[in-house]
């Protein structure tokens, strides 16, 4: 079982911006082929870093407010938030190792 939570526009502030620990938000769409390739890596990172990182996924189509606010133009997209601020962002498919090193970079800074 993965420790990734699904969130919506209405839950974004509570689950991401007010979170005690860093949060990786994975923006995806059901029609997105590359999203299906990235999902297992996101789940793996959620499990590996569950003690230091919260991982949330947000489907873009039903949640236009957050997508617009953070200018998500392509999926899959990953945004890492620390203390309610954007700490890092990646758009497009990403491999598990690259995703892990991205997360490591922000967790150690």
PDB file of N, CA and C in Angstrom:
ATOM      1  N   UNK A   1       0.829  -1.194   0.000  1.00  0.00           N
ATOM      2  CA  UNK A   1       0.000   0.000   0.000  1.00  0.00           C
ATOM      3  C   UNK A   1       0.873   1.258   0.000  1.00  0.00           C
ATOM      4  N   UNK A   2       0.511   2.206  -0.804  1.00  0.00           N
ATOM      5  CA  UNK A   2       1.284   3.437  -0.937  1.00  0.00           C
ATOM      6  C   UNK A   2       0.815   4.473   0.085  1.00  0.00           C
ATOM      7  N   UNK A   3       1.737   5.323   0.485  1.00  0.00           N
ATOM      8  CA  UNK A   3       1.385   6.377   1.437  1.00  0.00           C
ATOM      9  C   UNK A   3       1.082   7.698   0.737  1.00  0.00           C
ATOM     10  N   UNK A   4       0.749   7.643  -0.569  1.00  0.00           N
ATOM     11  CA  UNK A   4       0.385   8.839  -1.324  1.00  0.00           C
ATOM     12  C   UNK A   4      -1.081   9.166  -1.030  1.00  0.00           C
ATOM     13  N   UNK A   5      -1.348  10.435  -0.723  1.00  0.00           N
ATOM     14  CA  UNK A   5      -2.736  10.837  -0.497  1.00  0.00           C
ATOM     15  C   UNK A   5      -3.244  11.601  -1.710  1.00  0.00           C
ATOM     16  N   UNK A   6      -4.523  11.459  -2.002  1.00  0.00           N
ATOM     17  CA  UNK A   6      -5.142  12.217  -3.101  1.00  0.00           C
ATOM     18  C   UNK A   6      -5.774  13.465  -2.507  1.00  0.00           C
ATOM     19  N   UNK A   7      -5.513  14.613  -3.147  1.00  0.00           N
ATOM     20  CA  UNK A   7      -6.063  15.866  -2.645  1.00  0.00           C
ATOM     21  C   UNK A   7      -6.780  16.636  -3.757  1.00  0.00           C
ATOM     22  N   UNK A   8      -7.594  17.599  -3.329  1.00  0.00           N
ATOM     23  CA  UNK A   8      -8.334  18.458  -4.253  1.00  0.00           C
ATOM     24  C   UNK A   8      -7.986  19.916  -3.964  1.00  0.00           C
ATOM     25  N   UNK A   9      -8.499  20.811  -4.787  1.00  0.00           N
ATOM     26  CA  UNK A   9      -8.287  22.249  -4.576  1.00  0.00           C
ATOM     27  C   UNK A   9      -8.632  22.658  -3.137  1.00  0.00           C
ATOM     28  N   UNK A  10      -9.768  22.153  -2.629  1.00  0.00           N
ATOM     29  CA  UNK A  10     -10.231  22.570  -1.301  1.00  0.00           C
ATOM     30  C   UNK A  10      -9.337  22.054  -0.180  1.00  0.00           C
ATOM     31  N   UNK A  11      -8.641  20.952  -0.392  1.00  0.00           N
ATOM     32  CA  UNK A  11      -7.765  20.388   0.646  1.00  0.00           C
ATOM     33  C   UNK A  11      -6.321  20.882   0.537  1.00  0.00           C
ATOM     34  N   UNK A  12      -5.998  21.559  -0.551  1.00  0.00           N
ATOM     35  CA  UNK A  12      -4.609  21.928  -0.835  1.00  0.00           C
ATOM     36  C   UNK A  12      -3.963  22.749   0.283  1.00  0.00           C
ATOM     37  N   UNK A  13      -4.639  23.770   0.745  1.00  0.00           N
ATOM     38  CA  UNK A  13      -4.043  24.629   1.776  1.00  0.00           C
ATOM     39  C   UNK A  13      -3.730  23.837   3.049  1.00  0.00           C
ATOM     40  N   UNK A  14      -4.688  23.059   3.516  1.00  0.00           N
ATOM     41  CA  UNK A  14      -4.497  22.283   4.741  1.00  0.00           C
ATOM     42  C   UNK A  14      -3.436  21.204   4.576  1.00  0.00           C
ATOM     43  N   UNK A  15      -3.525  20.433   3.499  1.00  0.00           N
ATOM     44  CA  UNK A  15      -2.637  19.276   3.315  1.00  0.00           C
ATOM     45  C   UNK A  15      -1.227  19.647   2.855  1.00  0.00           C
ATOM     46  N   UNK A  16      -1.084  20.758   2.127  1.00  0.00           N
ATOM     47  CA  UNK A  16       0.221  21.111   1.554  1.00  0.00           C
ATOM     48  C   UNK A  16       0.812  22.358   2.207  1.00  0.00           C
ATOM     49  N   UNK A  17       0.117  23.477   2.119  1.00  0.00           N
ATOM     50  CA  UNK A  17       0.684  24.737   2.587  1.00  0.00           C
ATOM     51  C   UNK A  17       0.857  24.802   4.098  1.00  0.00           C
ATOM     52  N   UNK A  18      -0.007  24.123   4.847  1.00  0.00           N
ATOM     53  CA  UNK A  18       0.087  24.140   6.309  1.00  0.00           C
ATOM     54  C   UNK A  18       0.734  22.875   6.874  1.00  0.00           C
ATOM     55  N   UNK A  19       1.298  22.058   6.015  1.00  0.00           N
ATOM     56  CA  UNK A  19       1.911  20.802   6.473  1.00  0.00           C
ATOM     57  C   UNK A  19       3.167  21.081   7.291  1.00  0.00           C
ATOM     58  N   UNK A  20       3.410  20.225   8.267  1.00  0.00           N
ATOM     59  CA  UNK A  20       4.579  20.373   9.142  1.00  0.00           C
ATOM     60  C   UNK A  20       5.873  19.988   8.418  1.00  0.00           C
ATOM     61  N   UNK A  21       5.788  18.997   7.536  1.00  0.00           N
ATOM     62  CA  UNK A  21       6.984  18.538   6.822  1.00  0.00           C
ATOM     63  C   UNK A  21       6.891  18.928   5.338  1.00  0.00           C
ATOM     64  N   UNK A  22       7.997  18.791   4.588  1.00  0.00           N
ATOM     65  CA  UNK A  22       7.937  19.069   3.147  1.00  0.00           C
ATOM     66  C   UNK A  22       6.884  18.185   2.463  1.00  0.00           C
ATOM     67  N   UNK A  23       6.293  18.700   1.393  1.00  0.00           N
ATOM     68  CA  UNK A  23       5.264  17.959   0.657  1.00  0.00           C
ATOM     69  C   UNK A  23       5.621  17.949  -0.821  1.00  0.00           C
ATOM     70  N   UNK A  24       5.620  16.762  -1.402  1.00  0.00           N
ATOM     71  CA  UNK A  24       5.800  16.601  -2.844  1.00  0.00           C
ATOM     72  C   UNK A  24       4.410  16.413  -3.439  1.00  0.00           C
ATOM     73  N   UNK A  25       4.018  17.323  -4.333  1.00  0.00           N
ATOM     74  CA  UNK A  25       2.702  17.212  -4.973  1.00  0.00           C
ATOM     75  C   UNK A  25       2.910  16.749  -6.404  1.00  0.00           C
ATOM     76  N   UNK A  26       2.232  15.657  -6.733  1.00  0.00           N
ATOM     77  CA  UNK A  26       2.320  15.030  -8.050  1.00  0.00           C
ATOM     78  C   UNK A  26       1.038  15.374  -8.808  1.00  0.00           C
ATOM     79  N   UNK A  27       1.173  16.193  -9.849  1.00  0.00           N
ATOM     80  CA  UNK A  27       0.030  16.577 -10.688  1.00  0.00           C
ATOM     81  C   UNK A  27      -0.059  15.595 -11.848  1.00  0.00           C
ATOM     82  N   UNK A  28      -1.245  15.034 -12.070  1.00  0.00           N
ATOM     83  CA  UNK A  28      -1.401  13.996 -13.087  1.00  0.00           C
ATOM     84  C   UNK A  28      -2.772  14.112 -13.753  1.00  0.00           C
ATOM     85  N   UNK A  29      -2.958  13.302 -14.802  1.00  0.00           N
ATOM     86  CA  UNK A  29      -4.256  13.235 -15.484  1.00  0.00           C
ATOM     87  C   UNK A  29      -4.489  11.795 -15.928  1.00  0.00           C
ATOM     88  N   UNK A  30      -5.743  11.383 -15.927  1.00  0.00           N
ATOM     89  CA  UNK A  30      -6.076  10.002 -16.283  1.00  0.00           C
ATOM     90  C   UNK A  30      -5.737   9.687 -17.741  1.00  0.00           C
ATOM     91  N   UNK A  31      -5.745  10.709 -18.608  1.00  0.00           N
ATOM     92  CA  UNK A  31      -5.479  10.512 -20.037  1.00  0.00           C
ATOM     93  C   UNK A  31      -3.987  10.610 -20.368  1.00  0.00           C
ATOM     94  N   UNK A  32      -3.153  10.823 -19.367  1.00  0.00           N
ATOM     95  CA  UNK A  32      -1.720  11.084 -19.576  1.00  0.00           C
ATOM     96  C   UNK A  32      -0.901   9.798 -19.514  1.00  0.00           C
ATOM     97  N   UNK A  33      -0.336   9.403 -20.650  1.00  0.00           N
ATOM     98  CA  UNK A  33       0.495   8.203 -20.713  1.00  0.00           C
ATOM     99  C   UNK A  33       1.733   8.267 -19.833  1.00  0.00           C
ATOM    100  N   UNK A  34       2.538   9.345 -19.944  1.00  0.00           N
ATOM    101  CA  UNK A  34       3.729   9.448 -19.087  1.00  0.00           C
ATOM    102  C   UNK A  34       3.408   9.422 -17.592  1.00  0.00           C
ATOM    103  N   UNK A  35       2.201   9.878 -17.214  1.00  0.00           N
ATOM    104  CA  UNK A  35       1.815   9.843 -15.799  1.00  0.00           C
ATOM    105  C   UNK A  35       1.780   8.407 -15.286  1.00  0.00           C
ATOM    106  N   UNK A  36       1.333   7.491 -16.139  1.00  0.00           N
ATOM    107  CA  UNK A  36       1.282   6.081 -15.746  1.00  0.00           C
ATOM    108  C   UNK A  36       2.684   5.519 -15.511  1.00  0.00           C
ATOM    109  N   UNK A  37       3.667   6.064 -16.243  1.00  0.00           N
ATOM    110  CA  UNK A  37       5.048   5.620 -16.069  1.00  0.00           C
ATOM    111  C   UNK A  37       5.663   6.195 -14.786  1.00  0.00           C
ATOM    112  N   UNK A  38       5.282   7.403 -14.425  1.00  0.00           N
ATOM    113  CA  UNK A  38       5.854   8.088 -13.262  1.00  0.00           C
ATOM    114  C   UNK A  38       5.214   7.632 -11.946  1.00  0.00           C
ATOM    115  N   UNK A  39       3.947   7.238 -11.985  1.00  0.00           N
ATOM    116  CA  UNK A  39       3.221   6.870 -10.763  1.00  0.00           C
ATOM    117  C   UNK A  39       3.953   5.876  -9.859  1.00  0.00           C
ATOM    118  N   UNK A  40       4.504   4.767 -10.392  1.00  0.00           N
ATOM    119  CA  UNK A  40       5.205   3.833  -9.499  1.00  0.00           C
ATOM    120  C   UNK A  40       6.404   4.475  -8.789  1.00  0.00           C
ATOM    121  N   UNK A  41       7.104   5.378  -9.458  1.00  0.00           N
ATOM    122  CA  UNK A  41       8.243   6.066  -8.840  1.00  0.00           C
ATOM    123  C   UNK A  41       7.772   6.987  -7.722  1.00  0.00           C
ATOM    124  N   UNK A  42       6.654   7.678  -7.945  1.00  0.00           N
ATOM    125  CA  UNK A  42       6.091   8.570  -6.926  1.00  0.00           C
ATOM    126  C   UNK A  42       5.677   7.739  -5.705  1.00  0.00           C
ATOM    127  N   UNK A  43       5.042   6.591  -5.954  1.00  0.00           N
ATOM    128  CA  UNK A  43       4.635   5.712  -4.849  1.00  0.00           C
ATOM    129  C   UNK A  43       5.847   5.218  -4.072  1.00  0.00           C
ATOM    130  N   UNK A  44       6.903   4.863  -4.783  1.00  0.00           N
ATOM    131  CA  UNK A  44       8.131   4.382  -4.148  1.00  0.00           C
ATOM    132  C   UNK A  44       8.765   5.461  -3.273  1.00  0.00           C
ATOM    133  N   UNK A  45       8.837   6.686  -3.797  1.00  0.00           N
ATOM    134  CA  UNK A  45       9.398   7.803  -3.028  1.00  0.00           C
ATOM    135  C   UNK A  45       8.541   8.064  -1.782  1.00  0.00           C
ATOM    136  N   UNK A  46       7.226   7.971  -1.928  1.00  0.00           N
ATOM    137  CA  UNK A  46       6.327   8.186  -0.786  1.00  0.00           C
ATOM    138  C   UNK A  46       6.615   7.175   0.317  1.00  0.00           C
ATOM    139  N   UNK A  47       6.835   5.925  -0.068  1.00  0.00           N
ATOM    140  CA  UNK A  47       7.112   4.884   0.916  1.00  0.00           C
ATOM    141  C   UNK A  47       8.512   5.032   1.517  1.00  0.00           C
ATOM    142  N   UNK A  48       9.500   5.314   0.671  1.00  0.00           N
ATOM    143  CA  UNK A  48      10.885   5.435   1.114  1.00  0.00           C
ATOM    144  C   UNK A  48      11.097   6.597   2.074  1.00  0.00           C
ATOM    145  N   UNK A  49      10.458   7.738   1.782  1.00  0.00           N
ATOM    146  CA  UNK A  49      10.684   8.957   2.564  1.00  0.00           C
ATOM    147  C   UNK A  49       9.517   9.315   3.486  1.00  0.00           C
ATOM    148  N   UNK A  50       8.663   8.348   3.776  1.00  0.00           N
ATOM    149  CA  UNK A  50       7.439   8.636   4.536  1.00  0.00           C
ATOM    150  C   UNK A  50       7.697   9.275   5.899  1.00  0.00           C
ATOM    151  N   UNK A  51       8.881   9.063   6.468  1.00  0.00           N
ATOM    152  CA  UNK A  51       9.188   9.662   7.768  1.00  0.00           C
ATOM    153  C   UNK A  51       9.546  11.147   7.666  1.00  0.00           C
ATOM    154  N   UNK A  52       9.950  11.610   6.458  1.00  0.00           N
ATOM    155  CA  UNK A  52      10.414  12.998   6.302  1.00  0.00           C
ATOM    156  C   UNK A  52       9.647  13.793   5.262  1.00  0.00           C
ATOM    157  N   UNK A  53       8.789  13.117   4.502  1.00  0.00           N
ATOM    158  CA  UNK A  53       8.142  13.750   3.356  1.00  0.00           C
ATOM    159  C   UNK A  53       6.707  13.264   3.209  1.00  0.00           C
ATOM    160  N   UNK A  54       5.817  14.206   2.948  1.00  0.00           N
ATOM    161  CA  UNK A  54       4.430  13.864   2.651  1.00  0.00           C
ATOM    162  C   UNK A  54       4.300  13.904   1.132  1.00  0.00           C
ATOM    163  N   UNK A  55       3.622  12.934   0.552  1.00  0.00           N
ATOM    164  CA  UNK A  55       3.431  12.920  -0.897  1.00  0.00           C
ATOM    165  C   UNK A  55       1.933  12.936  -1.189  1.00  0.00           C
ATOM    166  N   UNK A  56       1.548  13.891  -2.031  1.00  0.00           N
ATOM    167  CA  UNK A  56       0.141  14.041  -2.395  1.00  0.00           C
ATOM    168  C   UNK A  56       0.025  14.047  -3.910  1.00  0.00           C
ATOM    169  N   UNK A  57      -1.085  13.511  -4.404  1.00  0.00           N
ATOM    170  CA  UNK A  57      -1.315  13.593  -5.845  1.00  0.00           C
ATOM    171  C   UNK A  57      -2.604  14.349  -6.100  1.00  0.00           C
ATOM    172  N   UNK A  58      -2.582  15.106  -7.191  1.00  0.00           N
ATOM    173  CA  UNK A  58      -3.736  15.916  -7.548  1.00  0.00           C
ATOM    174  C   UNK A  58      -4.024  15.756  -9.035  1.00  0.00           C
ATOM    175  N   UNK A  59      -5.229  15.312  -9.332  1.00  0.00           N
ATOM    176  CA  UNK A  59      -5.641  15.190 -10.736  1.00  0.00           C
ATOM    177  C   UNK A  59      -5.932  16.602 -11.236  1.00  0.00           C
ATOM    178  N   UNK A  60      -5.351  16.957 -12.388  1.00  0.00           N
ATOM    179  CA  UNK A  60      -5.432  18.352 -12.836  1.00  0.00           C
ATOM    180  C   UNK A  60      -6.813  18.781 -13.327  1.00  0.00           C
ATOM    181  N   UNK A  61      -7.527  17.920 -14.026  1.00  0.00           N
ATOM    182  CA  UNK A  61      -8.793  18.344 -14.635  1.00  0.00           C
ATOM    183  C   UNK A  61      -9.850  18.804 -13.623  1.00  0.00           C
ATOM    184  N   UNK A  62     -10.076  18.070 -12.522  1.00  0.00           N
ATOM    185  CA  UNK A  62     -11.086  18.539 -11.564  1.00  0.00           C
ATOM    186  C   UNK A  62     -10.581  19.605 -10.582  1.00  0.00           C
ATOM    187  N   UNK A  63      -9.319  19.994 -10.682  1.00  0.00           N
ATOM    188  CA  UNK A  63      -8.733  20.942  -9.724  1.00  0.00           C
ATOM    189  C   UNK A  63      -8.032  22.112 -10.414  1.00  0.00           C
ATOM    190  N   UNK A  64      -8.768  22.900 -11.197  1.00  0.00           N
ATOM    191  CA  UNK A  64      -8.141  23.954 -11.999  1.00  0.00           C
ATOM    192  C   UNK A  64      -7.538  25.102 -11.192  1.00  0.00           C
ATOM    193  N   UNK A  65      -8.036  25.381  -9.995  1.00  0.00           N
ATOM    194  CA  UNK A  65      -7.546  26.532  -9.229  1.00  0.00           C
ATOM    195  C   UNK A  65      -6.072  26.360  -8.845  1.00  0.00           C
ATOM    196  N   UNK A  66      -5.727  25.211  -8.294  1.00  0.00           N
ATOM    197  CA  UNK A  66      -4.346  24.959  -7.886  1.00  0.00           C
ATOM    198  C   UNK A  66      -3.435  24.863  -9.098  1.00  0.00           C
ATOM    199  N   UNK A  67      -3.916  24.206 -10.145  1.00  0.00           N
ATOM    200  CA  UNK A  67      -3.140  24.059 -11.382  1.00  0.00           C
ATOM    201  C   UNK A  67      -2.796  25.442 -11.935  1.00  0.00           C
ATOM    202  N   UNK A  68      -3.768  26.335 -11.946  1.00  0.00           N
ATOM    203  CA  UNK A  68      -3.539  27.689 -12.459  1.00  0.00           C
ATOM    204  C   UNK A  68      -2.605  28.481 -11.545  1.00  0.00           C
ATOM    205  N   UNK A  69      -2.838  28.390 -10.243  1.00  0.00           N
ATOM    206  CA  UNK A  69      -2.039  29.153  -9.284  1.00  0.00           C
ATOM    207  C   UNK A  69      -0.552  28.808  -9.391  1.00  0.00           C
ATOM    208  N   UNK A  70      -0.251  27.533  -9.576  1.00  0.00           N
ATOM    209  CA  UNK A  70       1.157  27.108  -9.629  1.00  0.00           C
ATOM    210  C   UNK A  70       1.649  26.896 -11.065  1.00  0.00           C
ATOM    211  N   UNK A  71       0.865  27.376 -12.022  1.00  0.00           N
ATOM    212  CA  UNK A  71       1.243  27.377 -13.439  1.00  0.00           C
ATOM    213  C   UNK A  71       1.720  26.020 -13.943  1.00  0.00           C
ATOM    214  N   UNK A  72       0.951  24.984 -13.605  1.00  0.00           N
ATOM    215  CA  UNK A  72       1.257  23.647 -14.099  1.00  0.00           C
ATOM    216  C   UNK A  72       0.777  23.590 -15.546  1.00  0.00           C
ATOM    217  N   UNK A  73       1.718  23.497 -16.473  1.00  0.00           N
ATOM    218  CA  UNK A  73       1.366  23.539 -17.892  1.00  0.00           C
ATOM    219  C   UNK A  73       1.422  22.177 -18.556  1.00  0.00           C
ATOM    220  N   UNK A  74       2.122  21.247 -17.948  1.00  0.00           N
ATOM    221  CA  UNK A  74       2.211  19.914 -18.523  1.00  0.00           C
ATOM    222  C   UNK A  74       2.204  18.877 -17.419  1.00  0.00           C
ATOM    223  N   UNK A  75       1.721  17.698 -17.745  1.00  0.00           N
ATOM    224  CA  UNK A  75       1.744  16.599 -16.776  1.00  0.00           C
ATOM    225  C   UNK A  75       2.533  15.441 -17.376  1.00  0.00           C
ATOM    226  N   UNK A  76       3.165  14.653 -16.549  1.00  0.00           N
ATOM    227  CA  UNK A  76       3.196  14.766 -15.100  1.00  0.00           C
ATOM    228  C   UNK A  76       4.034  15.955 -14.649  1.00  0.00           C
ATOM    229  N   UNK A  77       3.663  16.501 -13.503  1.00  0.00           N
ATOM    230  CA  UNK A  77       4.436  17.593 -12.907  1.00  0.00           C
ATOM    231  C   UNK A  77       4.584  17.315 -11.419  1.00  0.00           C
ATOM    232  N   UNK A  78       5.730  17.688 -10.886  1.00  0.00           N
ATOM    233  CA  UNK A  78       6.011  17.489  -9.465  1.00  0.00           C
ATOM    234  C   UNK A  78       6.459  18.823  -8.880  1.00  0.00           C
ATOM    235  N   UNK A  79       5.836  19.215  -7.790  1.00  0.00           N
ATOM    236  CA  UNK A  79       6.250  20.435  -7.102  1.00  0.00           C
ATOM    237  C   UNK A  79       6.513  20.070  -5.650  1.00  0.00           C
ATOM    238  N   UNK A  80       7.679  20.462  -5.168  1.00  0.00           N
ATOM    239  CA  UNK A  80       8.032  20.217  -3.780  1.00  0.00           C
ATOM    240  C   UNK A  80       7.840  21.507  -2.988  1.00  0.00           C
ATOM    241  N   UNK A  81       7.049  21.411  -1.932  1.00  0.00           N
ATOM    242  CA  UNK A  81       6.773  22.551  -1.063  1.00  0.00           C
ATOM    243  C   UNK A  81       7.481  22.360   0.268  1.00  0.00           C
ATOM    244  N   UNK A  82       8.113  23.424   0.739  1.00  0.00           N
ATOM    245  CA  UNK A  82       8.722  23.436   2.072  1.00  0.00           C
ATOM    246  C   UNK A  82       8.231  24.692   2.767  1.00  0.00           C
ATOM    247  N   UNK A  83       7.658  24.531   3.952  1.00  0.00           N
ATOM    248  CA  UNK A  83       7.126  25.662   4.718  1.00  0.00           C
ATOM    249  C   UNK A  83       6.130  26.494   3.902  1.00  0.00           C
ATOM    250  N   UNK A  84       5.306  25.825   3.113  1.00  0.00           N
ATOM    251  CA  UNK A  84       4.273  26.501   2.337  1.00  0.00           C
ATOM    252  C   UNK A  84       4.758  27.204   1.083  1.00  0.00           C
ATOM    253  N   UNK A  85       6.043  27.076   0.776  1.00  0.00           N
ATOM    254  CA  UNK A  85       6.625  27.729  -0.403  1.00  0.00           C
ATOM    255  C   UNK A  85       7.122  26.675  -1.393  1.00  0.00           C
ATOM    256  N   UNK A  86       7.126  27.036  -2.680  1.00  0.00           N
ATOM    257  CA  UNK A  86       7.657  26.132  -3.697  1.00  0.00           C
ATOM    258  C   UNK A  86       9.174  26.071  -3.540  1.00  0.00           C
ATOM    259  N   UNK A  87       9.689  24.860  -3.319  1.00  0.00           N
ATOM    260  CA  UNK A  87      11.138  24.672  -3.150  1.00  0.00           C
ATOM    261  C   UNK A  87      11.759  24.120  -4.432  1.00  0.00           C
ATOM    262  N   UNK A  88      10.947  23.409  -5.227  1.00  0.00           N
ATOM    263  CA  UNK A  88      11.456  22.837  -6.464  1.00  0.00           C
ATOM    264  C   UNK A  88      10.320  22.355  -7.335  1.00  0.00           C
ATOM    265  N   UNK A  89      10.604  22.227  -8.630  1.00  0.00           N
ATOM    266  CA  UNK A  89       9.552  21.830  -9.568  1.00  0.00           C
ATOM    267  C   UNK A  89      10.158  21.046 -10.723  1.00  0.00           C
ATOM    268  N   UNK A  90       9.414  20.070 -11.211  1.00  0.00           N
ATOM    269  CA  UNK A  90       9.840  19.307 -12.385  1.00  0.00           C
ATOM    270  C   UNK A  90       8.598  18.981 -13.206  1.00  0.00           C
ATOM    271  N   UNK A  91       8.636  19.300 -14.497  1.00  0.00           N
ATOM    272  CA  UNK A  91       7.540  18.916 -15.388  1.00  0.00           C
ATOM    273  C   UNK A  91       8.054  17.902 -16.374  1.00  0.00           C
ATOM    274  N   UNK A  92       7.219  16.909 -16.683  1.00  0.00           N
ATOM    275  CA  UNK A  92       7.589  15.859 -17.621  1.00  0.00           C
ATOM    276  C   UNK A  92       7.940  14.576 -16.886  1.00  0.00           C
ATOM    277  N   UNK A  93       8.071  13.511 -17.650  1.00  0.00           N
ATOM    278  CA  UNK A  93       8.386  12.207 -17.065  1.00  0.00           C
ATOM    279  C   UNK A  93       9.751  12.266 -16.388  1.00  0.00           C
ATOM    280  N   UNK A  94       9.872  11.517 -15.309  1.00  0.00           N
ATOM    281  CA  UNK A  94      11.117  11.483 -14.544  1.00  0.00           C
ATOM    282  C   UNK A  94      11.315  10.061 -14.028  1.00  0.00           C
ATOM    283  N   UNK A  95      12.539   9.587 -14.098  1.00  0.00           N
ATOM    284  CA  UNK A  95      12.848   8.241 -13.613  1.00  0.00           C
ATOM    285  C   UNK A  95      12.932   8.215 -12.095  1.00  0.00           C
ATOM    286  N   UNK A  96      12.840   7.019 -11.543  1.00  0.00           N
ATOM    287  CA  UNK A  96      12.852   6.853 -10.092  1.00  0.00           C
ATOM    288  C   UNK A  96      14.134   7.405  -9.463  1.00  0.00           C
ATOM    289  N   UNK A  97      15.291   7.104 -10.042  1.00  0.00           N
ATOM    290  CA  UNK A  97      16.554   7.567  -9.463  1.00  0.00           C
ATOM    291  C   UNK A  97      16.660   9.090  -9.494  1.00  0.00           C
ATOM    292  N   UNK A  98      16.251   9.690 -10.600  1.00  0.00           N
ATOM    293  CA  UNK A  98      16.304  11.150 -10.711  1.00  0.00           C
ATOM    294  C   UNK A  98      15.330  11.793  -9.721  1.00  0.00           C
ATOM    295  N   UNK A  99      14.163  11.202  -9.572  1.00  0.00           N
ATOM    296  CA  UNK A  99      13.177  11.712  -8.621  1.00  0.00           C
ATOM    297  C   UNK A  99      13.722  11.614  -7.194  1.00  0.00           C
ATOM    298  N   UNK A 100      14.342  10.486  -6.864  1.00  0.00           N
ATOM    299  CA  UNK A 100      14.910  10.323  -5.531  1.00  0.00           C
ATOM    300  C   UNK A 100      16.016  11.345  -5.267  1.00  0.00           C
ATOM    301  N   UNK A 101      16.864  11.594  -6.270  1.00  0.00           N
ATOM    302  CA  UNK A 101      17.941  12.568  -6.049  1.00  0.00           C
ATOM    303  C   UNK A 101      17.380  13.991  -5.927  1.00  0.00           C
ATOM    304  N   UNK A 102      16.312  14.290  -6.660  1.00  0.00           N
ATOM    305  CA  UNK A 102      15.647  15.582  -6.531  1.00  0.00           C
ATOM    306  C   UNK A 102      15.106  15.763  -5.123  1.00  0.00           C
ATOM    307  N   UNK A 103      14.430  14.741  -4.615  1.00  0.00           N
ATOM    308  CA  UNK A 103      13.864  14.775  -3.265  1.00  0.00           C
ATOM    309  C   UNK A 103      14.990  14.911  -2.232  1.00  0.00           C
ATOM    310  N   UNK A 104      16.050  14.123  -2.388  1.00  0.00           N
ATOM    311  CA  UNK A 104      17.195  14.167  -1.457  1.00  0.00           C
ATOM    312  C   UNK A 104      17.775  15.578  -1.377  1.00  0.00           C
ATOM    313  N   UNK A 105      17.921  16.213  -2.539  1.00  0.00           N
ATOM    314  CA  UNK A 105      18.475  17.561  -2.601  1.00  0.00           C
ATOM    315  C   UNK A 105      17.691  18.526  -1.729  1.00  0.00           C
ATOM    316  N   UNK A 106      16.360  18.473  -1.833  1.00  0.00           N
ATOM    317  CA  UNK A 106      15.524  19.412  -1.087  1.00  0.00           C
ATOM    318  C   UNK A 106      15.359  19.026   0.382  1.00  0.00           C
ATOM    319  N   UNK A 107      15.388  17.739   0.676  1.00  0.00           N
ATOM    320  CA  UNK A 107      15.252  17.323   2.071  1.00  0.00           C
ATOM    321  C   UNK A 107      16.517  17.642   2.868  1.00  0.00           C
ATOM    322  N   UNK A 108      17.660  17.651   2.202  1.00  0.00           N
ATOM    323  CA  UNK A 108      18.912  17.897   2.910  1.00  0.00           C
ATOM    324  C   UNK A 108      19.261  19.384   2.999  1.00  0.00           C
ATOM    325  N   UNK A 109      18.551  20.218   2.231  1.00  0.00           N
ATOM    326  CA  UNK A 109      18.899  21.655   2.258  1.00  0.00           C
ATOM    327  C   UNK A 109      18.189  22.382   3.382  1.00  0.00           C
TER     328      UNK A 109
END
